[in-house]
Amino acid sequence: MDIWLAFAAALAAATTLIHVVLGGREIATPLLAAERLHPVPKFTLYYCWHLVTIVLAALALAFGLVATGLGSRDLAIFATGGAALFCLWGLGMIGLFRLRIAHFPQWALFAAIAISGVIGLWQ
């Protein structure tokens, strides 16, 4: 078992749980309660919320499969690249829109996943 890829899988699984539990309470629930938001953007955003949940779970599964020898190294490369891009986009949004970094900590979770993936791939 590759410990670093297993760690990336655990971080991705934890991120999925954070997204579902905390993010569901702080983001998805208020989104659905927004009465002044037109149904098309409202439910498009809600749909995207669930797409993110699926992608996060898929990252955890991908790293877990490769860590246990059941998946191709290419799968870990793809998952690591995805996590790195999510991190960079989070930081880019913070800079581009002058957002408070404390309000958007997702980049740090993706950075930890990507770094663990890179270390696991370089071993």
PDB file of N, CA and C in Angstrom:
ATOM      1  N   MET A   1       0.844  -1.187   0.000  1.00  0.00           N
ATOM      2  CA  MET A   1       0.000   0.000   0.000  1.00  0.00           C
ATOM      3  C   MET A   1       0.883   1.242   0.000  1.00  0.00           C
ATOM      4  N   ASP A   2       0.519   2.186  -0.821  1.00  0.00           N
ATOM      5  CA  ASP A   2       1.226   3.463  -0.868  1.00  0.00           C
ATOM      6  C   ASP A   2       0.612   4.392   0.172  1.00  0.00           C
ATOM      7  N   ILE A   3       1.374   4.686   1.210  1.00  0.00           N
ATOM      8  CA  ILE A   3       0.854   5.462   2.336  1.00  0.00           C
ATOM      9  C   ILE A   3       0.466   6.887   1.937  1.00  0.00           C
ATOM     10  N   TRP A   4       1.223   7.504   1.039  1.00  0.00           N
ATOM     11  CA  TRP A   4       0.916   8.880   0.638  1.00  0.00           C
ATOM     12  C   TRP A   4      -0.346   8.967  -0.203  1.00  0.00           C
ATOM     13  N   LEU A   5      -0.551   7.991  -1.070  1.00  0.00           N
ATOM     14  CA  LEU A   5      -1.791   7.987  -1.849  1.00  0.00           C
ATOM     15  C   LEU A   5      -2.972   7.607  -0.966  1.00  0.00           C
ATOM     16  N   ALA A   6      -2.739   6.752   0.023  1.00  0.00           N
ATOM     17  CA  ALA A   6      -3.793   6.441   0.994  1.00  0.00           C
ATOM     18  C   ALA A   6      -4.136   7.691   1.811  1.00  0.00           C
ATOM     19  N   PHE A   7      -3.114   8.474   2.149  1.00  0.00           N
ATOM     20  CA  PHE A   7      -3.349   9.728   2.866  1.00  0.00           C
ATOM     21  C   PHE A   7      -4.139  10.708   1.999  1.00  0.00           C
ATOM     22  N   ALA A   8      -3.811  10.769   0.710  1.00  0.00           N
ATOM     23  CA  ALA A   8      -4.563  11.625  -0.217  1.00  0.00           C
ATOM     24  C   ALA A   8      -6.019  11.161  -0.286  1.00  0.00           C
ATOM     25  N   ALA A   9      -6.234   9.843  -0.288  1.00  0.00           N
ATOM     26  CA  ALA A   9      -7.599   9.302  -0.298  1.00  0.00           C
ATOM     27  C   ALA A   9      -8.345   9.704   0.970  1.00  0.00           C
ATOM     28  N   ALA A  10      -7.673   9.606   2.112  1.00  0.00           N
ATOM     29  CA  ALA A  10      -8.302   9.979   3.388  1.00  0.00           C
ATOM     30  C   ALA A  10      -8.621  11.471   3.424  1.00  0.00           C
ATOM     31  N   LEU A  11      -7.701  12.290   2.922  1.00  0.00           N
ATOM     32  CA  LEU A  11      -7.953  13.742   2.869  1.00  0.00           C
ATOM     33  C   LEU A  11      -9.121  14.063   1.941  1.00  0.00           C
ATOM     34  N   ALA A  12      -9.189  13.382   0.802  1.00  0.00           N
ATOM     35  CA  ALA A  12     -10.294  13.605  -0.123  1.00  0.00           C
ATOM     36  C   ALA A  12     -11.616  13.150   0.493  1.00  0.00           C
ATOM     37  N   ALA A  13     -11.603  12.040   1.215  1.00  0.00           N
ATOM     38  CA  ALA A  13     -12.812  11.568   1.888  1.00  0.00           C
ATOM     39  C   ALA A  13     -13.245  12.553   2.975  1.00  0.00           C
ATOM     40  N   ALA A  14     -12.279  13.069   3.732  1.00  0.00           N
ATOM     41  CA  ALA A  14     -12.594  14.069   4.767  1.00  0.00           C
ATOM     42  C   ALA A  14     -13.146  15.340   4.132  1.00  0.00           C
ATOM     43  N   THR A  15     -12.574  15.733   3.019  1.00  0.00           N
ATOM     44  CA  THR A  15     -13.057  16.922   2.305  1.00  0.00           C
ATOM     45  C   THR A  15     -14.492  16.699   1.821  1.00  0.00           C
ATOM     46  N   THR A  16     -14.779  15.493   1.362  1.00  0.00           N
ATOM     47  CA  THR A  16     -16.144  15.162   0.948  1.00  0.00           C
ATOM     48  C   THR A  16     -17.108  15.312   2.114  1.00  0.00           C
ATOM     49  N   LEU A  17     -16.729  14.798   3.264  1.00  0.00           N
ATOM     50  CA  LEU A  17     -17.586  14.913   4.452  1.00  0.00           C
ATOM     51  C   LEU A  17     -17.774  16.363   4.877  1.00  0.00           C
ATOM     52  N   ILE A  18     -16.706  17.135   4.850  1.00  0.00           N
ATOM     53  CA  ILE A  18     -16.800  18.559   5.188  1.00  0.00           C
ATOM     54  C   ILE A  18     -17.746  19.255   4.219  1.00  0.00           C
ATOM     55  N   HIS A  19     -17.593  18.951   2.940  1.00  0.00           N
ATOM     56  CA  HIS A  19     -18.445  19.542   1.905  1.00  0.00           C
ATOM     57  C   HIS A  19     -19.917  19.218   2.173  1.00  0.00           C
ATOM     58  N   VAL A  20     -20.201  17.955   2.444  1.00  0.00           N
ATOM     59  CA  VAL A  20     -21.584  17.522   2.629  1.00  0.00           C
ATOM     60  C   VAL A  20     -22.176  18.072   3.922  1.00  0.00           C
ATOM     61  N   VAL A  21     -21.453  17.937   5.031  1.00  0.00           N
ATOM     62  CA  VAL A  21     -22.016  18.300   6.332  1.00  0.00           C
ATOM     63  C   VAL A  21     -21.976  19.813   6.566  1.00  0.00           C
ATOM     64  N   LEU A  22     -20.782  20.370   6.612  1.00  0.00           N
ATOM     65  CA  LEU A  22     -20.669  21.810   6.891  1.00  0.00           C
ATOM     66  C   LEU A  22     -21.137  22.656   5.716  1.00  0.00           C
ATOM     67  N   GLY A  23     -20.683  22.300   4.538  1.00  0.00           N
ATOM     68  CA  GLY A  23     -21.088  23.056   3.361  1.00  0.00           C
ATOM     69  C   GLY A  23     -22.568  22.931   3.078  1.00  0.00           C
ATOM     70  N   GLY A  24     -23.121  21.765   3.339  1.00  0.00           N
ATOM     71  CA  GLY A  24     -24.562  21.597   3.153  1.00  0.00           C
ATOM     72  C   GLY A  24     -25.344  22.549   4.039  1.00  0.00           C
ATOM     73  N   ARG A  25     -24.888  22.676   5.271  1.00  0.00           N
ATOM     74  CA  ARG A  25     -25.564  23.563   6.219  1.00  0.00           C
ATOM     75  C   ARG A  25     -25.340  25.035   5.889  1.00  0.00           C
ATOM     76  N   GLU A  26     -24.129  25.387   5.500  1.00  0.00           N
ATOM     77  CA  GLU A  26     -23.771  26.796   5.292  1.00  0.00           C
ATOM     78  C   GLU A  26     -24.021  27.307   3.870  1.00  0.00           C
ATOM     79  N   ILE A  27     -24.062  26.408   2.887  1.00  0.00           N
ATOM     80  CA  ILE A  27     -24.179  26.826   1.487  1.00  0.00           C
ATOM     81  C   ILE A  27     -25.451  26.283   0.836  1.00  0.00           C
ATOM     82  N   ALA A  28     -25.613  24.975   0.796  1.00  0.00           N
ATOM     83  CA  ALA A  28     -26.728  24.378   0.051  1.00  0.00           C
ATOM     84  C   ALA A  28     -28.086  24.719   0.666  1.00  0.00           C
ATOM     85  N   THR A  29     -28.208  24.622   1.971  1.00  0.00           N
ATOM     86  CA  THR A  29     -29.492  24.913   2.620  1.00  0.00           C
ATOM     87  C   THR A  29     -29.912  26.365   2.405  1.00  0.00           C
ATOM     88  N   PRO A  30     -29.029  27.350   2.652  1.00  0.00           N
ATOM     89  CA  PRO A  30     -29.433  28.738   2.372  1.00  0.00           C
ATOM     90  C   PRO A  30     -29.726  28.983   0.887  1.00  0.00           C
ATOM     91  N   LEU A  31     -29.001  28.302   0.023  1.00  0.00           N
ATOM     92  CA  LEU A  31     -29.259  28.439  -1.412  1.00  0.00           C
ATOM     93  C   LEU A  31     -30.690  28.026  -1.741  1.00  0.00           C
ATOM     94  N   LEU A  32     -31.085  26.871  -1.241  1.00  0.00           N
ATOM     95  CA  LEU A  32     -32.443  26.394  -1.508  1.00  0.00           C
ATOM     96  C   LEU A  32     -33.512  27.261  -0.857  1.00  0.00           C
ATOM     97  N   ALA A  33     -33.165  27.908   0.245  1.00  0.00           N
ATOM     98  CA  ALA A  33     -34.122  28.769   0.953  1.00  0.00           C
ATOM     99  C   ALA A  33     -34.251  30.153   0.321  1.00  0.00           C
ATOM    100  N   ALA A  34     -33.355  30.501  -0.589  1.00  0.00           N
ATOM    101  CA  ALA A  34     -33.372  31.826  -1.213  1.00  0.00           C
ATOM    102  C   ALA A  34     -34.602  31.967  -2.097  1.00  0.00           C
ATOM    103  N   GLU A  35     -35.543  32.785  -1.668  1.00  0.00           N
ATOM    104  CA  GLU A  35     -36.807  32.941  -2.393  1.00  0.00           C
ATOM    105  C   GLU A  35     -36.693  33.890  -3.584  1.00  0.00           C
ATOM    106  N   ARG A  36     -35.765  34.813  -3.530  1.00  0.00           N
ATOM    107  CA  ARG A  36     -35.657  35.813  -4.591  1.00  0.00           C
ATOM    108  C   ARG A  36     -34.775  35.368  -5.752  1.00  0.00           C
ATOM    109  N   LEU A  37     -34.187  34.202  -5.625  1.00  0.00           N
ATOM    110  CA  LEU A  37     -33.330  33.682  -6.687  1.00  0.00           C
ATOM    111  C   LEU A  37     -34.189  32.899  -7.680  1.00  0.00           C
ATOM    112  N   HIS A  38     -34.047  33.229  -8.966  1.00  0.00           N
ATOM    113  CA  HIS A  38     -34.814  32.559 -10.026  1.00  0.00           C
ATOM    114  C   HIS A  38     -34.531  31.052  -9.977  1.00  0.00           C
ATOM    115  N   PRO A  39     -35.542  30.213 -10.241  1.00  0.00           N
ATOM    116  CA  PRO A  39     -35.352  28.760 -10.156  1.00  0.00           C
ATOM    117  C   PRO A  39     -34.255  28.191 -11.051  1.00  0.00           C
ATOM    118  N   VAL A  40     -34.037  28.765 -12.233  1.00  0.00           N
ATOM    119  CA  VAL A  40     -33.020  28.188 -13.119  1.00  0.00           C
ATOM    120  C   VAL A  40     -31.611  28.325 -12.521  1.00  0.00           C
ATOM    121  N   PRO A  41     -31.150  29.540 -12.151  1.00  0.00           N
ATOM    122  CA  PRO A  41     -29.823  29.589 -11.532  1.00  0.00           C
ATOM    123  C   PRO A  41     -29.784  28.885 -10.175  1.00  0.00           C
ATOM    124  N   LYS A  42     -30.867  28.965  -9.426  1.00  0.00           N
ATOM    125  CA  LYS A  42     -30.917  28.329  -8.103  1.00  0.00           C
ATOM    126  C   LYS A  42     -30.679  26.822  -8.208  1.00  0.00           C
ATOM    127  N   PHE A  43     -31.422  26.165  -9.072  1.00  0.00           N
ATOM    128  CA  PHE A  43     -31.298  24.719  -9.155  1.00  0.00           C
ATOM    129  C   PHE A  43     -30.113  24.283 -10.009  1.00  0.00           C
ATOM    130  N   THR A  44     -29.617  25.174 -10.854  1.00  0.00           N
ATOM    131  CA  THR A  44     -28.355  24.893 -11.543  1.00  0.00           C
ATOM    132  C   THR A  44     -27.216  24.870 -10.524  1.00  0.00           C
ATOM    133  N   LEU A  45     -27.211  25.825  -9.621  1.00  0.00           N
ATOM    134  CA  LEU A  45     -26.196  25.844  -8.560  1.00  0.00           C
ATOM    135  C   LEU A  45     -26.325  24.629  -7.648  1.00  0.00           C
ATOM    136  N   TYR A  46     -27.544  24.246  -7.344  1.00  0.00           N
ATOM    137  CA  TYR A  46     -27.767  23.074  -6.496  1.00  0.00           C
ATOM    138  C   TYR A  46     -27.292  21.803  -7.215  1.00  0.00           C
ATOM    139  N   TYR A  47     -27.544  21.736  -8.517  1.00  0.00           N
ATOM    140  CA  TYR A  47     -27.052  20.630  -9.326  1.00  0.00           C
ATOM    141  C   TYR A  47     -25.515  20.595  -9.277  1.00  0.00           C
ATOM    142  N   CYS A  48     -24.888  21.750  -9.441  1.00  0.00           N
ATOM    143  CA  CYS A  48     -23.420  21.842  -9.381  1.00  0.00           C
ATOM    144  C   CYS A  48     -22.903  21.443  -8.009  1.00  0.00           C
ATOM    145  N   TRP A  49     -23.653  21.759  -6.975  1.00  0.00           N
ATOM    146  CA  TRP A  49     -23.286  21.362  -5.609  1.00  0.00           C
ATOM    147  C   TRP A  49     -23.119  19.840  -5.551  1.00  0.00           C
ATOM    148  N   HIS A  50     -24.075  19.137  -6.136  1.00  0.00           N
ATOM    149  CA  HIS A  50     -24.010  17.683  -6.115  1.00  0.00           C
ATOM    150  C   HIS A  50     -22.926  17.147  -7.041  1.00  0.00           C
ATOM    151  N   LEU A  51     -22.651  17.843  -8.135  1.00  0.00           N
ATOM    152  CA  LEU A  51     -21.533  17.442  -8.992  1.00  0.00           C
ATOM    153  C   LEU A  51     -20.218  17.504  -8.220  1.00  0.00           C
ATOM    154  N   VAL A  52     -20.056  18.551  -7.423  1.00  0.00           N
ATOM    155  CA  VAL A  52     -18.846  18.680  -6.603  1.00  0.00           C
ATOM    156  C   VAL A  52     -18.764  17.523  -5.608  1.00  0.00           C
ATOM    157  N   THR A  53     -19.881  17.177  -5.003  1.00  0.00           N
ATOM    158  CA  THR A  53     -19.894  16.044  -4.072  1.00  0.00           C
ATOM    159  C   THR A  53     -19.423  14.773  -4.772  1.00  0.00           C
ATOM    160  N   ILE A  54     -19.929  14.536  -5.969  1.00  0.00           N
ATOM    161  CA  ILE A  54     -19.541  13.346  -6.728  1.00  0.00           C
ATOM    162  C   ILE A  54     -18.059  13.379  -7.083  1.00  0.00           C
ATOM    163  N   VAL A  55     -17.557  14.530  -7.500  1.00  0.00           N
ATOM    164  CA  VAL A  55     -16.140  14.646  -7.862  1.00  0.00           C
ATOM    165  C   VAL A  55     -15.248  14.415  -6.639  1.00  0.00           C
ATOM    166  N   LEU A  56     -15.621  14.979  -5.511  1.00  0.00           N
ATOM    167  CA  LEU A  56     -14.828  14.783  -4.292  1.00  0.00           C
ATOM    168  C   LEU A  56     -14.787  13.304  -3.899  1.00  0.00           C
ATOM    169  N   ALA A  57     -15.929  12.637  -3.943  1.00  0.00           N
ATOM    170  CA  ALA A  57     -15.971  11.212  -3.620  1.00  0.00           C
ATOM    171  C   ALA A  57     -15.151  10.409  -4.633  1.00  0.00           C
ATOM    172  N   ALA A  58     -15.202  10.814  -5.896  1.00  0.00           N
ATOM    173  CA  ALA A  58     -14.425  10.125  -6.932  1.00  0.00           C
ATOM    174  C   ALA A  58     -12.924  10.290  -6.709  1.00  0.00           C
ATOM    175  N   LEU A  59     -12.504  11.475  -6.235  1.00  0.00           N
ATOM    176  CA  LEU A  59     -11.084  11.669  -5.904  1.00  0.00           C
ATOM    177  C   LEU A  59     -10.664  10.697  -4.809  1.00  0.00           C
ATOM    178  N   ALA A  60     -11.483  10.589  -3.777  1.00  0.00           N
ATOM    179  CA  ALA A  60     -11.169   9.666  -2.685  1.00  0.00           C
ATOM    180  C   ALA A  60     -11.085   8.228  -3.197  1.00  0.00           C
ATOM    181  N   LEU A  61     -12.041   7.840  -4.024  1.00  0.00           N
ATOM    182  CA  LEU A  61     -12.045   6.488  -4.585  1.00  0.00           C
ATOM    183  C   LEU A  61     -10.826   6.252  -5.476  1.00  0.00           C
ATOM    184  N   ALA A  62     -10.511   7.214  -6.330  1.00  0.00           N
ATOM    185  CA  ALA A  62      -9.364   7.070  -7.239  1.00  0.00           C
ATOM    186  C   ALA A  62      -8.067   6.879  -6.460  1.00  0.00           C
ATOM    187  N   PHE A  63      -7.822   7.767  -5.496  1.00  0.00           N
ATOM    188  CA  PHE A  63      -6.595   7.622  -4.697  1.00  0.00           C
ATOM    189  C   PHE A  63      -6.594   6.308  -3.916  1.00  0.00           C
ATOM    190  N   GLY A  64      -7.748   5.927  -3.398  1.00  0.00           N
ATOM    191  CA  GLY A  64      -7.834   4.680  -2.643  1.00  0.00           C
ATOM    192  C   GLY A  64      -7.544   3.460  -3.501  1.00  0.00           C
ATOM    193  N   LEU A  65      -8.072   3.447  -4.717  1.00  0.00           N
ATOM    194  CA  LEU A  65      -7.811   2.319  -5.617  1.00  0.00           C
ATOM    195  C   LEU A  65      -6.333   2.203  -5.957  1.00  0.00           C
ATOM    196  N   VAL A  66      -5.704   3.323  -6.260  1.00  0.00           N
ATOM    197  CA  VAL A  66      -4.281   3.271  -6.625  1.00  0.00           C
ATOM    198  C   VAL A  66      -3.430   2.939  -5.406  1.00  0.00           C
ATOM    199  N   ALA A  67      -3.789   3.480  -4.252  1.00  0.00           N
ATOM    200  CA  ALA A  67      -3.019   3.212  -3.028  1.00  0.00           C
ATOM    201  C   ALA A  67      -2.999   1.726  -2.691  1.00  0.00           C
ATOM    202  N   THR A  68      -4.094   1.035  -2.978  1.00  0.00           N
ATOM    203  CA  THR A  68      -4.177  -0.391  -2.658  1.00  0.00           C
ATOM    204  C   THR A  68      -3.758  -1.295  -3.809  1.00  0.00           C
ATOM    205  N   GLY A  69      -3.304  -0.702  -4.905  1.00  0.00           N
ATOM    206  CA  GLY A  69      -2.832  -1.491  -6.031  1.00  0.00           C
ATOM    207  C   GLY A  69      -3.929  -1.956  -6.973  1.00  0.00           C
ATOM    208  N   LEU A  70      -5.148  -1.451  -6.791  1.00  0.00           N
ATOM    209  CA  LEU A  70      -6.269  -1.870  -7.633  1.00  0.00           C
ATOM    210  C   LEU A  70      -6.516  -0.923  -8.812  1.00  0.00           C
ATOM    211  N   GLY A  71      -5.794   0.178  -8.861  1.00  0.00           N
ATOM    212  CA  GLY A  71      -5.999   1.153  -9.931  1.00  0.00           C
ATOM    213  C   GLY A  71      -4.695   1.526 -10.599  1.00  0.00           C
ATOM    214  N   SER A  72      -4.814   2.053 -11.781  1.00  0.00           N
ATOM    215  CA  SER A  72      -3.665   2.477 -12.569  1.00  0.00           C
ATOM    216  C   SER A  72      -3.047   3.754 -11.993  1.00  0.00           C
ATOM    217  N   ARG A  73      -1.754   3.870 -12.146  1.00  0.00           N
ATOM    218  CA  ARG A  73      -1.034   5.083 -11.739  1.00  0.00           C
ATOM    219  C   ARG A  73      -1.601   6.318 -12.452  1.00  0.00           C
ATOM    220  N   ASP A  74      -2.085   6.117 -13.670  1.00  0.00           N
ATOM    221  CA  ASP A  74      -2.686   7.220 -14.423  1.00  0.00           C
ATOM    222  C   ASP A  74      -3.882   7.816 -13.689  1.00  0.00           C
ATOM    223  N   LEU A  75      -4.606   6.988 -12.973  1.00  0.00           N
ATOM    224  CA  LEU A  75      -5.743   7.452 -12.187  1.00  0.00           C
ATOM    225  C   LEU A  75      -5.278   8.406 -11.088  1.00  0.00           C
ATOM    226  N   ALA A  76      -4.167   8.082 -10.445  1.00  0.00           N
ATOM    227  CA  ALA A  76      -3.616   8.959  -9.403  1.00  0.00           C
ATOM    228  C   ALA A  76      -3.073  10.249 -10.008  1.00  0.00           C
ATOM    229  N   ILE A  77      -2.496  10.169 -11.191  1.00  0.00           N
ATOM    230  CA  ILE A  77      -2.015  11.374 -11.874  1.00  0.00           C
ATOM    231  C   ILE A  77      -3.195  12.294 -12.173  1.00  0.00           C
ATOM    232  N   PHE A  78      -4.272  11.719 -12.693  1.00  0.00           N
ATOM    233  CA  PHE A  78      -5.467  12.508 -13.007  1.00  0.00           C
ATOM    234  C   PHE A  78      -6.058  13.137 -11.743  1.00  0.00           C
ATOM    235  N   ALA A  79      -6.179  12.355 -10.667  1.00  0.00           N
ATOM    236  CA  ALA A  79      -6.751  12.865  -9.413  1.00  0.00           C
ATOM    237  C   ALA A  79      -5.868  13.952  -8.808  1.00  0.00           C
ATOM    238  N   THR A  80      -4.561  13.763  -8.863  1.00  0.00           N
ATOM    239  CA  THR A  80      -3.630  14.764  -8.335  1.00  0.00           C
ATOM    240  C   THR A  80      -3.725  16.057  -9.139  1.00  0.00           C
ATOM    241  N   GLY A  81      -3.765  15.928 -10.462  1.00  0.00           N
ATOM    242  CA  GLY A  81      -3.909  17.105 -11.316  1.00  0.00           C
ATOM    243  C   GLY A  81      -5.210  17.840 -11.048  1.00  0.00           C
ATOM    244  N   GLY A  82      -6.296  17.092 -10.877  1.00  0.00           N
ATOM    245  CA  GLY A  82      -7.588  17.715 -10.567  1.00  0.00           C
ATOM    246  C   GLY A  82      -7.542  18.481  -9.257  1.00  0.00           C
ATOM    247  N   ALA A  83      -6.988  17.858  -8.225  1.00  0.00           N
ATOM    248  CA  ALA A  83      -6.889  18.525  -6.924  1.00  0.00           C
ATOM    249  C   ALA A  83      -6.033  19.789  -7.021  1.00  0.00           C
ATOM    250  N   ALA A  84      -4.938  19.717  -7.770  1.00  0.00           N
ATOM    251  CA  ALA A  84      -4.073  20.890  -7.948  1.00  0.00           C
ATOM    252  C   ALA A  84      -4.804  22.014  -8.676  1.00  0.00           C
ATOM    253  N   LEU A  85      -5.558  21.657  -9.702  1.00  0.00           N
ATOM    254  CA  LEU A  85      -6.318  22.675 -10.437  1.00  0.00           C
ATOM    255  C   LEU A  85      -7.415  23.295  -9.586  1.00  0.00           C
ATOM    256  N   PHE A  86      -8.071  22.486  -8.763  1.00  0.00           N
ATOM    257  CA  PHE A  86      -9.096  23.026  -7.856  1.00  0.00           C
ATOM    258  C   PHE A  86      -8.460  23.998  -6.863  1.00  0.00           C
ATOM    259  N   CYS A  87      -7.281  23.659  -6.372  1.00  0.00           N
ATOM    260  CA  CYS A  87      -6.548  24.547  -5.456  1.00  0.00           C
ATOM    261  C   CYS A  87      -6.220  25.865  -6.146  1.00  0.00           C
ATOM    262  N   LEU A  88      -5.665  25.769  -7.333  1.00  0.00           N
ATOM    263  CA  LEU A  88      -5.280  26.978  -8.067  1.00  0.00           C
ATOM    264  C   LEU A  88      -6.482  27.849  -8.410  1.00  0.00           C
ATOM    265  N   TRP A  89      -7.597  27.222  -8.788  1.00  0.00           N
ATOM    266  CA  TRP A  89      -8.790  28.007  -9.099  1.00  0.00           C
ATOM    267  C   TRP A  89      -9.318  28.705  -7.848  1.00  0.00           C
ATOM    268  N   GLY A  90      -9.288  28.027  -6.708  1.00  0.00           N
ATOM    269  CA  GLY A  90      -9.711  28.665  -5.455  1.00  0.00           C
ATOM    270  C   GLY A  90      -8.865  29.881  -5.131  1.00  0.00           C
ATOM    271  N   LEU A  91      -7.556  29.736  -5.242  1.00  0.00           N
ATOM    272  CA  LEU A  91      -6.662  30.874  -4.992  1.00  0.00           C
ATOM    273  C   LEU A  91      -6.864  31.969  -6.030  1.00  0.00           C
ATOM    274  N   GLY A  92      -7.081  31.561  -7.281  1.00  0.00           N
ATOM    275  CA  GLY A  92      -7.319  32.532  -8.345  1.00  0.00           C
ATOM    276  C   GLY A  92      -8.578  33.340  -8.107  1.00  0.00           C
ATOM    277  N   MET A  93      -9.635  32.682  -7.666  1.00  0.00           N
ATOM    278  CA  MET A  93     -10.884  33.402  -7.363  1.00  0.00           C
ATOM    279  C   MET A  93     -10.696  34.385  -6.214  1.00  0.00           C
ATOM    280  N   ILE A  94      -9.950  33.955  -5.205  1.00  0.00           N
ATOM    281  CA  ILE A  94      -9.688  34.841  -4.062  1.00  0.00           C
ATOM    282  C   ILE A  94      -8.983  36.104  -4.538  1.00  0.00           C
ATOM    283  N   GLY A  95      -7.976  35.932  -5.374  1.00  0.00           N
ATOM    284  CA  GLY A  95      -7.246  37.089  -5.887  1.00  0.00           C
ATOM    285  C   GLY A  95      -8.049  37.910  -6.880  1.00  0.00           C
ATOM    286  N   LEU A  96      -8.695  37.243  -7.801  1.00  0.00           N
ATOM    287  CA  LEU A  96      -9.435  37.916  -8.869  1.00  0.00           C
ATOM    288  C   LEU A  96     -10.604  38.749  -8.342  1.00  0.00           C
ATOM    289  N   PHE A  97     -11.318  38.191  -7.383  1.00  0.00           N
ATOM    290  CA  PHE A  97     -12.503  38.870  -6.861  1.00  0.00           C
ATOM    291  C   PHE A  97     -12.263  39.553  -5.515  1.00  0.00           C
ATOM    292  N   ARG A  98     -11.000  39.594  -5.095  1.00  0.00           N
ATOM    293  CA  ARG A  98     -10.613  40.223  -3.827  1.00  0.00           C
ATOM    294  C   ARG A  98     -11.441  39.704  -2.651  1.00  0.00           C
ATOM    295  N   LEU A  99     -11.499  38.383  -2.559  1.00  0.00           N
ATOM    296  CA  LEU A  99     -12.252  37.726  -1.499  1.00  0.00           C
ATOM    297  C   LEU A  99     -11.372  37.531  -0.277  1.00  0.00           C
ATOM    298  N   ARG A 100     -11.984  37.364   0.860  1.00  0.00           N
ATOM    299  CA  ARG A 100     -11.230  37.105   2.087  1.00  0.00           C
ATOM    300  C   ARG A 100     -10.835  35.636   2.117  1.00  0.00           C
ATOM    301  N   ILE A 101      -9.556  35.376   2.251  1.00  0.00           N
ATOM    302  CA  ILE A 101      -9.033  34.012   2.187  1.00  0.00           C
ATOM    303  C   ILE A 101      -9.640  33.135   3.278  1.00  0.00           C
ATOM    304  N   ALA A 102      -9.966  33.714   4.425  1.00  0.00           N
ATOM    305  CA  ALA A 102     -10.563  32.954   5.522  1.00  0.00           C
ATOM    306  C   ALA A 102     -11.969  32.463   5.175  1.00  0.00           C
ATOM    307  N   HIS A 103     -12.641  33.111   4.242  1.00  0.00           N
ATOM    308  CA  HIS A 103     -13.987  32.703   3.850  1.00  0.00           C
ATOM    309  C   HIS A 103     -13.977  31.590   2.808  1.00  0.00           C
ATOM    310  N   PHE A 104     -12.826  31.329   2.199  1.00  0.00           N
ATOM    311  CA  PHE A 104     -12.720  30.340   1.127  1.00  0.00           C
ATOM    312  C   PHE A 104     -11.509  29.427   1.346  1.00  0.00           C
ATOM    313  N   PRO A 105     -11.574  28.570   2.381  1.00  0.00           N
ATOM    314  CA  PRO A 105     -10.417  27.726   2.722  1.00  0.00           C
ATOM    315  C   PRO A 105     -10.278  26.460   1.877  1.00  0.00           C
ATOM    316  N   GLN A 106     -11.167  26.282   0.902  1.00  0.00           N
ATOM    317  CA  GLN A 106     -11.147  25.052   0.116  1.00  0.00           C
ATOM    318  C   GLN A 106      -9.801  24.805  -0.549  1.00  0.00           C
ATOM    319  N   TRP A 107      -9.149  25.878  -0.961  1.00  0.00           N
ATOM    320  CA  TRP A 107      -7.871  25.730  -1.660  1.00  0.00           C
ATOM    321  C   TRP A 107      -6.872  24.950  -0.807  1.00  0.00           C
ATOM    322  N   ALA A 108      -6.900  25.173   0.516  1.00  0.00           N
ATOM    323  CA  ALA A 108      -5.938  24.507   1.401  1.00  0.00           C
ATOM    324  C   ALA A 108      -6.194  23.001   1.455  1.00  0.00           C
ATOM    325  N   LEU A 109      -7.454  22.606   1.453  1.00  0.00           N
ATOM    326  CA  LEU A 109      -7.779  21.179   1.444  1.00  0.00           C
ATOM    327  C   LEU A 109      -7.292  20.536   0.153  1.00  0.00           C
ATOM    328  N   PHE A 110      -7.535  21.206  -0.976  1.00  0.00           N
ATOM    329  CA  PHE A 110      -7.088  20.661  -2.256  1.00  0.00           C
ATOM    330  C   PHE A 110      -5.562  20.676  -2.365  1.00  0.00           C
ATOM    331  N   ALA A 111      -4.919  21.666  -1.781  1.00  0.00           N
ATOM    332  CA  ALA A 111      -3.454  21.704  -1.787  1.00  0.00           C
ATOM    333  C   ALA A 111      -2.890  20.495  -1.048  1.00  0.00           C
ATOM    334  N   ALA A 112      -3.462  20.180   0.109  1.00  0.00           N
ATOM    335  CA  ALA A 112      -2.996  19.028   0.890  1.00  0.00           C
ATOM    336  C   ALA A 112      -3.198  17.724   0.115  1.00  0.00           C
ATOM    337  N   ILE A 113      -4.324  17.597  -0.555  1.00  0.00           N
ATOM    338  CA  ILE A 113      -4.593  16.397  -1.362  1.00  0.00           C
ATOM    339  C   ILE A 113      -3.587  16.310  -2.508  1.00  0.00           C
ATOM    340  N   ALA A 114      -3.385  17.413  -3.218  1.00  0.00           N
ATOM    341  CA  ALA A 114      -2.462  17.420  -4.360  1.00  0.00           C
ATOM    342  C   ALA A 114      -1.029  17.133  -3.919  1.00  0.00           C
ATOM    343  N   ILE A 115      -0.590  17.729  -2.828  1.00  0.00           N
ATOM    344  CA  ILE A 115       0.777  17.497  -2.338  1.00  0.00           C
ATOM    345  C   ILE A 115       0.967  16.039  -1.960  1.00  0.00           C
ATOM    346  N   SER A 116      -0.015  15.464  -1.276  1.00  0.00           N
ATOM    347  CA  SER A 116       0.076  14.037  -0.915  1.00  0.00           C
ATOM    348  C   SER A 116       0.126  13.171  -2.169  1.00  0.00           C
ATOM    349  N   GLY A 117      -0.670  13.539  -3.160  1.00  0.00           N
ATOM    350  CA  GLY A 117      -0.658  12.799  -4.420  1.00  0.00           C
ATOM    351  C   GLY A 117       0.683  12.881  -5.123  1.00  0.00           C
ATOM    352  N   VAL A 118       1.260  14.068  -5.158  1.00  0.00           N
ATOM    353  CA  VAL A 118       2.566  14.233  -5.804  1.00  0.00           C
ATOM    354  C   VAL A 118       3.635  13.409  -5.094  1.00  0.00           C
ATOM    355  N   ILE A 119       3.651  13.468  -3.780  1.00  0.00           N
ATOM    356  CA  ILE A 119       4.646  12.679  -3.029  1.00  0.00           C
ATOM    357  C   ILE A 119       4.443  11.178  -3.295  1.00  0.00           C
ATOM    358  N   GLY A 120       3.190  10.750  -3.280  1.00  0.00           N
ATOM    359  CA  GLY A 120       2.908   9.335  -3.548  1.00  0.00           C
ATOM    360  C   GLY A 120       3.324   8.907  -4.946  1.00  0.00           C
ATOM    361  N   LEU A 121       3.170   9.787  -5.905  1.00  0.00           N
ATOM    362  CA  LEU A 121       3.544   9.463  -7.284  1.00  0.00           C
ATOM    363  C   LEU A 121       5.061   9.480  -7.492  1.00  0.00           C
ATOM    364  N   TRP A 122       5.774  10.283  -6.733  1.00  0.00           N
ATOM    365  CA  TRP A 122       7.232  10.407  -6.916  1.00  0.00           C
ATOM    366  C   TRP A 122       8.025   9.346  -6.187  1.00  0.00           C
ATOM    367  N   GLN A 123       7.370   8.574  -5.363  1.00  0.00           N
ATOM    368  CA  GLN A 123       8.092   7.540  -4.614  1.00  0.00           C
ATOM    369  C   GLN A 123       8.540   6.418  -5.511  1.00  0.00           C
TER     370      GLN A 123
END
